[in-house]
Amino acid sequence: MNLHVAIIGYVWPEPKSSAAGQNMLSIIHSCQAAGYQVSFFTAATDSAHKVDLAAIGVTSYDIALNCSSFNTRIAELNPDIVIFDRYMTEEQFSWRVKEACPHALRVLNTEDLHSLRQARHEAVKSNGDAMTANLNNELAQREIAAMLRSDITLVISQYEMALLKDFYRVPASQLYYHPLVTGAIVRNTPSFEARAHFVHIGNFRHAPNWDAVLQLKQHIWPEIRRALPQAQLHIYGAYPPKKATQLHNEKQGFLVKGWADSVEEVMVNARVLIAPLRFGAGIKGKLLDAMRCATPSITTWIGAEGIVDDNLHNVWPGAICDDNLNDPDTIDDYVRHAVALYTQKSCWQEASQKTASCLDQFDQHKPQVDLGTHLKQLTTILAQHRQGLFMQGLVWHHTLNATKYMSQWIEAKNRTPLPNEEHHSAK
């Protein structure tokens, strides 16, 4: 008997727009490879860049927030597994799933730790140092509570796995490492001589990416351009706002290109990827894509986090610079590495040759049991699994009613017109 998995997406999957979109598509493919029937629910508005779910055999449903129509629909489908895409979706729908489908395995897909990314962002705004982030914050409490309510949580980064177990004390039995799929290595990539210019890529709606573009524009690129007056920096990314396109300046060699239909085409033709990420979380897909294309990269410890171990930064195919861009020495470091990789063939080739081994190291941490098999195993021992999760029952006891009754209050408010609205409709 094939299992039925229902995925409740925060947004439509857009694998060409972000690593999150790639990750969601990989989850769908993992479930299909295990023989599951897959349904996809979302309350998000339509997207021109979304993957064609029907074409890959996935049935999709539009749903409404704070509406009991979802309870009816999910009960009719009666899935064996429900995957919540990010903690916000779990907060909105998990109590409804628990009531309508009590025997369904509830899975939280984190994408990355939102609370970690936000804490680092606040630290950077406060003192410029993401390492001083306050991890004990309100958003972390919400996110960890969502994990404890779930039967299993998918975590994309080894670093975040350790953080959840060692700092937040989430039971290991409730965590599953599901890394970003690296994709196939591009063969016969262009040579050093056949490549030109620097590239940066990232969805503009993602705050760390927008911040990186600003750091390039204001601090890093002017100095690189001064050293390499013929070089250009090509900025790609989905959903560029007007404030981003206004940064386009051909005289400065700072070219905002916007949407890239093929990340591989962009990467294989660039000589160097530069990603000065000052905050963030999870795994940075752009850096893995660069490695697949044998393209050296310059980034920060934030960019490298979860891809290589902290004590193995010497294996990075390019350079890892400091994230404190208020320090002139950091700018000098970016310029020094950029010039060396861009102008010295031997330096570039040495970095390019490290991309394959770096990808191999990342892939070595993949779990021995694939996601589809692991979820199937959990469905067979779900009652036993939950019996060992004392904190799950405790968190449900204390938080269910607050989330549930707030949602029901909103639903009732949406359903009941105000006195003025009644008077207006009578006319």
Protein backbone atom coordinates (compact mmCIF):
# COMPACT_ATOMS: atom_id res chain seq x y z
CA MET A 1 0.00 0.00 0.00
CA ASN A 2 1.46 3.36 -1.06
CA LEU A 3 1.58 6.09 1.53
CA HIS A 4 0.05 9.50 0.93
CA VAL A 5 2.03 12.58 1.96
CA ALA A 6 0.50 16.05 2.12
CA ILE A 7 2.93 18.97 2.02
CA ILE A 8 1.70 22.33 3.29
CA GLY A 9 3.94 24.88 1.61
CA TYR A 10 4.70 28.34 2.90
CA VAL A 11 5.22 29.36 -0.75
CA TRP A 12 5.03 27.60 -4.12
CA PRO A 13 8.26 25.70 -4.88
CA GLU A 14 10.57 27.85 -7.04
CA PRO A 15 13.76 25.80 -7.57
CA LYS A 16 15.22 28.41 -9.94
CA SER A 17 14.68 31.24 -7.45
CA SER A 18 16.21 29.96 -4.21
CA ALA A 19 17.87 27.10 -2.37
CA ALA A 20 14.64 26.75 -0.38
CA GLY A 21 12.79 26.02 -3.61
CA GLN A 22 15.43 23.46 -4.57
CA ASN A 23 15.11 21.84 -1.15
CA MET A 24 11.33 21.57 -1.34
CA LEU A 25 11.55 19.99 -4.79
CA SER A 26 14.09 17.49 -3.45
CA ILE A 27 11.68 16.55 -0.64
CA ILE A 28 8.92 15.96 -3.19
CA HIS A 29 11.24 13.81 -5.31
CA SER A 30 12.38 11.84 -2.24
CA CYS A 31 8.77 11.05 -1.34
CA GLN A 32 7.93 10.04 -4.91
CA ALA A 33 11.03 7.83 -5.08
CA ALA A 34 9.70 6.01 -2.01
CA GLY A 35 6.42 5.40 -3.84
CA TYR A 36 4.35 8.02 -2.02
CA GLN A 37 1.36 9.81 -3.48
CA VAL A 38 2.13 13.53 -3.02
CA SER A 39 -0.31 16.40 -2.57
CA PHE A 40 0.76 20.02 -2.16
CA PHE A 41 -1.27 22.63 -0.27
CA THR A 42 -0.50 26.32 0.02
CA ALA A 43 -2.21 29.59 0.90
CA ALA A 44 0.44 31.54 -1.04
CA THR A 45 -0.44 33.69 -4.04
CA ASP A 46 0.31 32.29 -7.47
CA SER A 47 3.86 32.50 -8.79
CA ALA A 48 5.13 32.84 -12.34
CA HIS A 49 8.33 31.00 -11.38
CA LYS A 50 6.77 28.02 -9.58
CA VAL A 51 7.56 24.50 -10.71
CA ASP A 52 4.81 22.75 -12.69
CA LEU A 53 3.66 20.34 -9.99
CA ALA A 54 1.06 18.65 -12.20
CA ALA A 55 3.79 17.79 -14.70
CA ILE A 56 5.67 15.81 -12.05
CA GLY A 57 2.55 14.05 -10.76
CA VAL A 58 1.76 16.21 -7.74
CA THR A 59 -1.80 17.35 -7.05
CA SER A 60 -1.97 20.90 -5.70
CA TYR A 61 -4.66 22.62 -3.64
CA ASP A 62 -5.22 26.26 -2.77
CA ILE A 63 -6.14 26.71 0.88
CA ALA A 64 -7.14 29.64 3.09
CA LEU A 65 -5.59 30.73 6.35
CA ASN A 66 -7.74 30.62 9.48
CA CYS A 67 -10.48 28.65 7.77
CA SER A 68 -11.99 25.32 8.83
CA SER A 69 -12.42 24.35 5.18
CA PHE A 70 -8.86 23.06 5.45
CA ASN A 71 -9.92 20.64 8.20
CA THR A 72 -12.56 19.18 5.90
CA ARG A 73 -10.19 18.85 2.97
CA ILE A 74 -7.34 17.26 4.92
CA ALA A 75 -9.72 14.85 6.67
CA GLU A 76 -11.11 13.75 3.30
CA LEU A 77 -7.64 13.04 1.94
CA ASN A 78 -6.55 11.44 5.23
CA PRO A 79 -2.79 11.48 4.48
CA ASP A 80 -0.36 9.20 6.28
CA ILE A 81 2.26 11.97 6.51
CA VAL A 82 1.93 15.76 6.67
CA ILE A 83 4.96 17.98 6.07
CA PHE A 84 4.82 21.58 7.29
CA ASP A 85 7.09 23.90 5.32
CA ARG A 86 8.71 26.14 7.98
CA TYR A 87 7.62 26.84 11.53
CA MET A 88 5.03 29.48 10.53
CA THR A 89 3.07 26.86 8.59
CA GLU A 90 3.28 24.45 11.51
CA GLU A 91 1.88 27.11 13.84
CA GLN A 92 -1.02 27.81 11.49
CA PHE A 93 -2.02 24.27 10.52
CA SER A 94 -0.58 21.64 12.90
CA TRP A 95 -3.45 21.82 15.39
CA ARG A 96 -5.91 21.37 12.54
CA VAL A 97 -3.98 18.34 11.26
CA LYS A 98 -3.76 16.93 14.79
CA GLU A 99 -7.53 17.12 15.15
CA ALA A 100 -8.49 15.96 11.63
CA CYS A 101 -5.75 13.34 11.12
CA PRO A 102 -4.46 12.32 14.57
CA HIS A 103 -2.61 9.28 13.22
CA ALA A 104 -0.67 11.17 10.53
CA LEU A 105 3.08 11.57 11.00
CA ARG A 106 3.72 15.31 11.45
CA VAL A 107 6.98 16.53 9.88
CA LEU A 108 8.49 20.01 10.13
CA ASN A 109 10.77 21.16 7.32
CA THR A 110 12.90 24.01 8.68
CA GLU A 111 14.65 25.12 5.43
CA ASP A 112 17.04 26.91 7.78
CA LEU A 113 16.78 28.12 11.37
CA HIS A 114 14.87 31.37 10.96
CA SER A 115 15.57 32.36 14.56
CA LEU A 116 19.32 31.89 14.05
CA ARG A 117 19.28 34.00 10.90
CA GLN A 118 17.25 36.73 12.62
CA ALA A 119 19.45 36.72 15.73
CA ARG A 120 22.56 37.10 13.59
CA HIS A 121 20.91 39.89 11.61
CA GLU A 122 20.12 41.77 14.82
CA ALA A 123 23.68 41.29 16.04
CA VAL A 124 25.11 42.64 12.77
CA LYS A 125 22.84 45.68 12.97
CA SER A 126 23.84 46.20 16.60
CA ASN A 127 27.61 45.72 16.53
CA GLY A 128 28.57 44.27 13.14
CA ASP A 129 29.40 40.82 14.52
CA ALA A 130 27.05 37.88 13.83
CA MET A 131 28.99 35.75 16.32
CA THR A 132 27.50 37.78 19.19
CA ALA A 133 23.94 36.72 18.28
CA ASN A 134 21.56 36.12 21.19
CA LEU A 135 20.27 32.61 20.57
CA ASN A 136 17.80 32.69 23.47
CA ASN A 137 15.13 34.85 21.89
CA GLU A 138 11.37 34.82 21.36
CA LEU A 139 11.54 33.64 17.76
CA ALA A 140 13.75 30.72 18.82
CA GLN A 141 11.17 29.76 21.42
CA ARG A 142 8.48 29.67 18.73
CA GLU A 143 10.66 27.70 16.33
CA ILE A 144 11.81 25.15 18.91
CA ALA A 145 8.22 24.75 20.13
CA ALA A 146 7.20 23.90 16.56
CA MET A 147 9.92 21.23 16.48
CA LEU A 148 8.83 19.74 19.79
CA ARG A 149 5.20 19.57 18.63
CA SER A 150 6.28 17.74 15.46
CA ASP A 151 7.14 14.07 15.29
CA ILE A 152 10.29 14.71 13.27
CA THR A 153 12.08 17.84 12.01
CA LEU A 154 14.15 18.05 8.82
CA VAL A 155 17.37 20.02 9.35
CA ILE A 156 19.44 21.15 6.38
CA SER A 157 22.78 21.87 8.08
CA GLN A 158 25.12 19.82 10.25
CA TYR A 159 25.92 22.95 12.22
CA GLU A 160 22.23 23.50 12.97
CA MET A 161 21.81 19.84 13.93
CA ALA A 162 24.51 20.28 16.58
CA LEU A 163 23.02 23.58 17.75
CA LEU A 164 19.56 22.05 18.16
CA LYS A 165 20.86 19.09 20.12
CA ASP A 166 23.53 20.77 22.24
CA PHE A 167 22.14 24.24 22.90
CA TYR A 168 18.37 23.93 22.52
CA ARG A 169 18.26 20.33 23.79
CA VAL A 170 15.90 19.06 21.12
CA PRO A 171 15.87 15.23 21.37
CA ALA A 172 17.95 13.59 18.64
CA SER A 173 15.03 11.24 17.92
CA GLN A 174 13.04 14.25 16.69
CA LEU A 175 15.72 15.43 14.24
CA TYR A 176 16.69 14.19 10.79
CA TYR A 177 19.55 15.63 8.75
CA HIS A 178 18.25 16.34 5.25
CA PRO A 179 21.00 18.23 3.40
CA LEU A 180 20.55 20.33 0.32
CA VAL A 181 20.90 18.16 -2.78
CA THR A 182 24.08 19.25 -4.54
CA GLY A 183 23.09 18.20 -8.04
CA ALA A 184 25.34 16.83 -10.75
CA ILE A 185 28.84 18.17 -11.31
CA VAL A 186 29.03 20.05 -14.62
CA ARG A 187 31.52 18.35 -16.92
CA ASN A 188 33.91 20.02 -19.37
CA THR A 189 33.60 23.47 -17.80
CA PRO A 190 35.26 26.47 -19.48
CA SER A 191 38.92 27.16 -18.80
CA PHE A 192 40.40 30.11 -16.93
CA GLU A 193 40.92 31.98 -20.21
CA ALA A 194 37.36 31.31 -21.44
CA ARG A 195 35.79 32.84 -18.32
CA ALA A 196 35.33 36.49 -17.43
CA HIS A 197 34.08 38.73 -14.63
CA PHE A 198 32.82 38.21 -11.10
CA VAL A 199 29.30 37.06 -10.24
CA HIS A 200 26.98 37.25 -7.26
CA ILE A 201 23.61 35.50 -7.19
CA GLY A 202 20.76 35.28 -4.70
CA ASN A 203 17.03 35.88 -4.30
CA PHE A 204 16.60 39.58 -3.50
CA ARG A 205 13.74 38.82 -1.11
CA HIS A 206 16.20 37.06 1.18
CA ALA A 207 17.67 39.65 3.55
CA PRO A 208 21.24 38.18 3.71
CA ASN A 209 21.48 38.34 -0.10
CA TRP A 210 20.32 41.96 -0.30
CA ASP A 211 22.76 42.91 2.44
CA ALA A 212 25.58 41.21 0.52
CA VAL A 213 24.72 43.23 -2.59
CA LEU A 214 24.90 46.44 -0.55
CA GLN A 215 28.26 45.44 0.94
CA LEU A 216 29.59 44.79 -2.55
CA LYS A 217 28.31 48.09 -3.87
CA GLN A 218 29.39 50.27 -0.97
CA HIS A 219 32.60 48.68 0.29
CA ILE A 220 34.09 45.79 -1.66
CA TRP A 221 33.55 46.29 -5.38
CA PRO A 222 34.93 49.86 -5.62
CA GLU A 223 38.26 48.61 -4.28
CA ILE A 224 38.31 45.52 -6.52
CA ARG A 225 37.39 47.65 -9.52
CA ARG A 226 40.22 50.05 -8.69
CA ALA A 227 42.64 47.12 -8.84
CA LEU A 228 40.93 45.50 -11.85
CA PRO A 229 39.49 48.36 -13.95
CA GLN A 230 38.34 46.05 -16.79
CA ALA A 231 36.51 43.56 -14.58
CA GLN A 232 32.75 43.54 -14.09
CA LEU A 233 30.50 42.27 -11.32
CA HIS A 234 27.27 40.67 -12.54
CA ILE A 235 24.48 40.58 -9.93
CA TYR A 236 21.76 37.96 -10.51
CA GLY A 237 18.73 37.04 -8.45
CA ALA A 238 14.98 36.58 -8.49
CA TYR A 239 12.61 39.43 -7.67
CA PRO A 240 14.98 42.42 -7.88
CA PRO A 241 13.25 45.48 -6.36
CA LYS A 242 13.63 48.96 -7.78
CA LYS A 243 16.17 49.85 -5.08
CA ALA A 244 18.35 47.02 -6.46
CA THR A 245 18.05 47.84 -10.16
CA GLN A 246 18.91 51.46 -9.34
CA LEU A 247 22.36 50.26 -8.25
CA HIS A 248 23.15 49.25 -11.84
CA ASN A 249 26.10 51.30 -13.09
CA GLU A 250 27.97 50.32 -16.22
CA LYS A 251 30.75 52.85 -15.66
CA GLN A 252 31.50 51.16 -12.35
CA GLY A 253 31.19 47.69 -13.87
CA PHE A 254 28.39 46.95 -11.39
CA LEU A 255 25.70 45.26 -13.50
CA VAL A 256 22.40 44.23 -11.94
CA LYS A 257 21.16 41.48 -14.25
CA GLY A 258 18.19 40.20 -12.23
CA TRP A 259 16.57 36.86 -12.99
CA ALA A 260 18.83 34.07 -14.26
CA ASP A 261 17.05 31.36 -16.19
CA SER A 262 20.05 29.04 -15.83
CA VAL A 263 22.27 29.24 -12.76
CA GLU A 264 24.71 26.81 -14.35
CA GLU A 265 25.17 29.01 -17.41
CA VAL A 266 25.89 32.00 -15.20
CA MET A 267 28.32 30.09 -13.00
CA VAL A 268 30.36 28.30 -15.66
CA ASN A 269 31.04 31.53 -17.53
CA ALA A 270 32.10 33.51 -14.46
CA ARG A 271 35.67 33.44 -13.25
CA VAL A 272 34.88 34.01 -9.56
CA LEU A 273 31.75 33.97 -7.36
CA ILE A 274 31.81 36.54 -4.56
CA ALA A 275 29.33 36.24 -1.67
CA PRO A 276 30.14 38.50 1.34
CA LEU A 277 27.38 37.16 3.59
CA ARG A 278 27.39 38.85 7.00
CA PHE A 279 24.49 36.87 8.46
CA GLY A 280 22.24 33.96 7.55
CA ALA A 281 21.63 30.31 8.34
CA GLY A 282 21.26 26.96 6.62
CA ILE A 283 23.22 26.00 3.51
CA LYS A 284 24.02 28.53 0.79
CA GLY A 285 23.01 26.92 -2.48
CA LYS A 286 24.92 29.46 -4.56
CA LEU A 287 28.22 28.20 -3.15
CA LEU A 288 27.39 24.57 -3.90
CA ASP A 289 26.34 25.59 -7.41
CA ALA A 290 29.68 27.34 -7.88
CA MET A 291 31.49 24.16 -6.85
CA ARG A 292 29.45 22.08 -9.30
CA CYS A 293 30.64 24.45 -12.02
CA ALA A 294 34.30 24.39 -10.87
CA THR A 295 34.05 28.11 -10.09
CA PRO A 296 36.18 29.45 -7.21
CA SER A 297 34.36 31.51 -4.59
CA ILE A 298 35.10 34.18 -2.02
CA THR A 299 32.76 34.21 0.98
CA THR A 300 32.62 34.43 4.80
CA TRP A 301 32.37 31.85 7.58
CA ILE A 302 28.60 32.34 7.31
CA GLY A 303 28.74 31.23 3.68
CA ALA A 304 30.95 28.24 4.41
CA GLU A 305 29.02 27.13 7.49
CA GLY A 306 27.55 23.67 7.12
CA ILE A 307 29.51 22.96 3.93
CA VAL A 308 32.97 22.46 5.42
CA ASP A 309 33.98 21.82 9.03
CA ASP A 310 35.23 24.80 11.01
CA ASN A 311 38.75 23.40 11.21
CA LEU A 312 38.94 22.59 7.48
CA HIS A 313 38.60 26.04 5.93
CA ASN A 314 41.88 25.43 4.11
CA VAL A 315 40.00 23.06 1.77
CA TRP A 316 37.74 25.87 0.56
CA PRO A 317 37.94 26.38 -3.23
CA GLY A 318 38.81 30.06 -3.08
CA ALA A 319 38.88 32.13 0.07
CA ILE A 320 36.97 32.64 3.33
CA CYS A 321 37.22 36.24 4.49
CA ASP A 322 36.14 37.94 7.68
CA ASP A 323 32.57 39.25 7.84
CA ASN A 324 33.45 42.57 9.54
CA LEU A 325 33.38 44.97 6.60
CA ASN A 326 33.87 47.97 8.88
CA ASP A 327 37.50 46.88 9.18
CA PRO A 328 39.73 48.14 6.30
CA ASP A 329 41.86 45.02 6.66
CA THR A 330 38.84 42.91 5.73
CA ILE A 331 38.29 44.93 2.55
CA ASP A 332 41.97 44.54 1.72
CA ASP A 333 41.64 40.79 2.20
CA TYR A 334 38.73 40.60 -0.26
CA VAL A 335 40.69 42.63 -2.82
CA ARG A 336 43.83 40.54 -2.41
CA HIS A 337 42.00 37.25 -2.95
CA ALA A 338 39.85 38.67 -5.76
CA VAL A 339 42.87 39.94 -7.68
CA ALA A 340 44.81 36.70 -7.19
CA LEU A 341 41.95 34.46 -8.33
CA TYR A 342 41.09 36.73 -11.24
CA THR A 343 44.55 37.34 -12.64
CA GLN A 344 46.73 34.38 -11.63
CA LYS A 345 45.90 31.26 -13.63
CA SER A 346 47.73 28.93 -11.26
CA CYS A 347 45.90 30.34 -8.23
CA TRP A 348 42.55 30.02 -10.01
CA GLN A 349 43.25 26.46 -11.15
CA GLU A 350 44.29 25.37 -7.67
CA ALA A 351 41.02 26.72 -6.25
CA SER A 352 38.94 25.30 -9.10
CA GLN A 353 40.42 21.84 -8.55
CA LYS A 354 39.30 21.91 -4.91
CA THR A 355 35.61 22.22 -5.82
CA ALA A 356 35.10 18.48 -6.42
CA SER A 357 36.77 17.41 -3.17
CA CYS A 358 34.81 20.02 -1.22
CA LEU A 359 31.55 18.70 -2.65
CA ASP A 360 32.64 15.16 -1.80
CA GLN A 361 33.28 16.16 1.81
CA PHE A 362 29.84 17.76 2.01
CA ASP A 363 28.14 14.69 0.54
CA GLN A 364 29.92 12.32 2.94
CA HIS A 365 27.63 13.50 5.74
CA LYS A 366 24.46 12.37 3.98
CA PRO A 367 22.32 10.07 6.17
CA GLN A 368 22.56 6.36 5.49
CA VAL A 369 18.76 6.02 5.42
CA ASP A 370 17.10 8.20 2.79
CA LEU A 371 14.24 10.53 3.72
CA GLY A 372 11.44 8.50 2.13
CA THR A 373 12.53 5.30 3.88
CA HIS A 374 12.98 7.06 7.22
CA LEU A 375 9.49 8.57 7.14
CA LYS A 376 7.98 5.24 6.12
CA GLN A 377 9.71 3.55 9.07
CA LEU A 378 8.36 6.18 11.46
CA THR A 379 4.79 5.65 10.29
CA THR A 380 5.04 2.00 11.35
CA ILE A 381 6.15 2.85 14.91
CA LEU A 382 4.42 6.22 15.36
CA ALA A 383 2.65 5.42 18.63
CA GLN A 384 5.89 4.05 20.12
CA HIS A 385 7.83 7.07 18.80
CA ARG A 386 5.43 9.54 20.38
CA GLN A 387 5.41 7.63 23.65
CA GLY A 388 9.07 8.58 24.10
CA LEU A 389 8.51 12.28 23.42
CA PHE A 390 7.47 13.68 26.80
CA MET A 391 8.20 17.27 25.78
CA GLN A 392 5.91 16.90 22.77
CA GLY A 393 2.88 16.27 24.99
CA LEU A 394 3.93 19.02 27.36
CA VAL A 395 4.29 21.64 24.62
CA TRP A 396 1.01 20.63 23.01
CA HIS A 397 -0.71 20.92 26.40
CA HIS A 398 0.49 24.48 26.93
CA THR A 399 0.48 25.94 23.43
CA LEU A 400 -2.29 24.27 21.47
CA ASN A 401 -5.13 26.31 22.86
CA ALA A 402 -3.40 29.66 22.34
CA THR A 403 -2.73 28.93 18.67
CA LYS A 404 -6.02 27.15 18.09
CA TYR A 405 -8.31 29.72 19.65
CA MET A 406 -6.54 32.67 18.07
CA SER A 407 -7.07 31.08 14.66
CA GLN A 408 -10.69 30.30 15.45
CA TRP A 409 -11.26 33.88 16.65
CA ILE A 410 -9.86 35.22 13.36
CA GLU A 411 -12.05 32.80 11.42
CA ALA A 412 -15.16 33.88 13.34
CA LYS A 413 -14.27 37.54 12.86
CA ASN A 414 -13.84 37.01 9.11
CA ARG A 415 -17.17 35.21 8.95
CA THR A 416 -19.20 37.72 11.00
CA PRO A 417 -19.67 41.16 9.41
CA LEU A 418 -19.34 44.24 11.56
CA PRO A 419 -22.55 46.28 12.30
CA ASN A 420 -21.58 48.92 9.71
CA GLU A 421 -21.01 46.21 7.14
CA GLU A 422 -24.46 44.73 7.84
CA HIS A 423 -26.06 48.15 7.43
CA HIS A 424 -24.18 48.74 4.18
CA SER A 425 -25.19 45.36 2.73
CA ALA A 426 -28.86 46.02 3.64
CA LYS A 427 -28.83 49.01 1.38
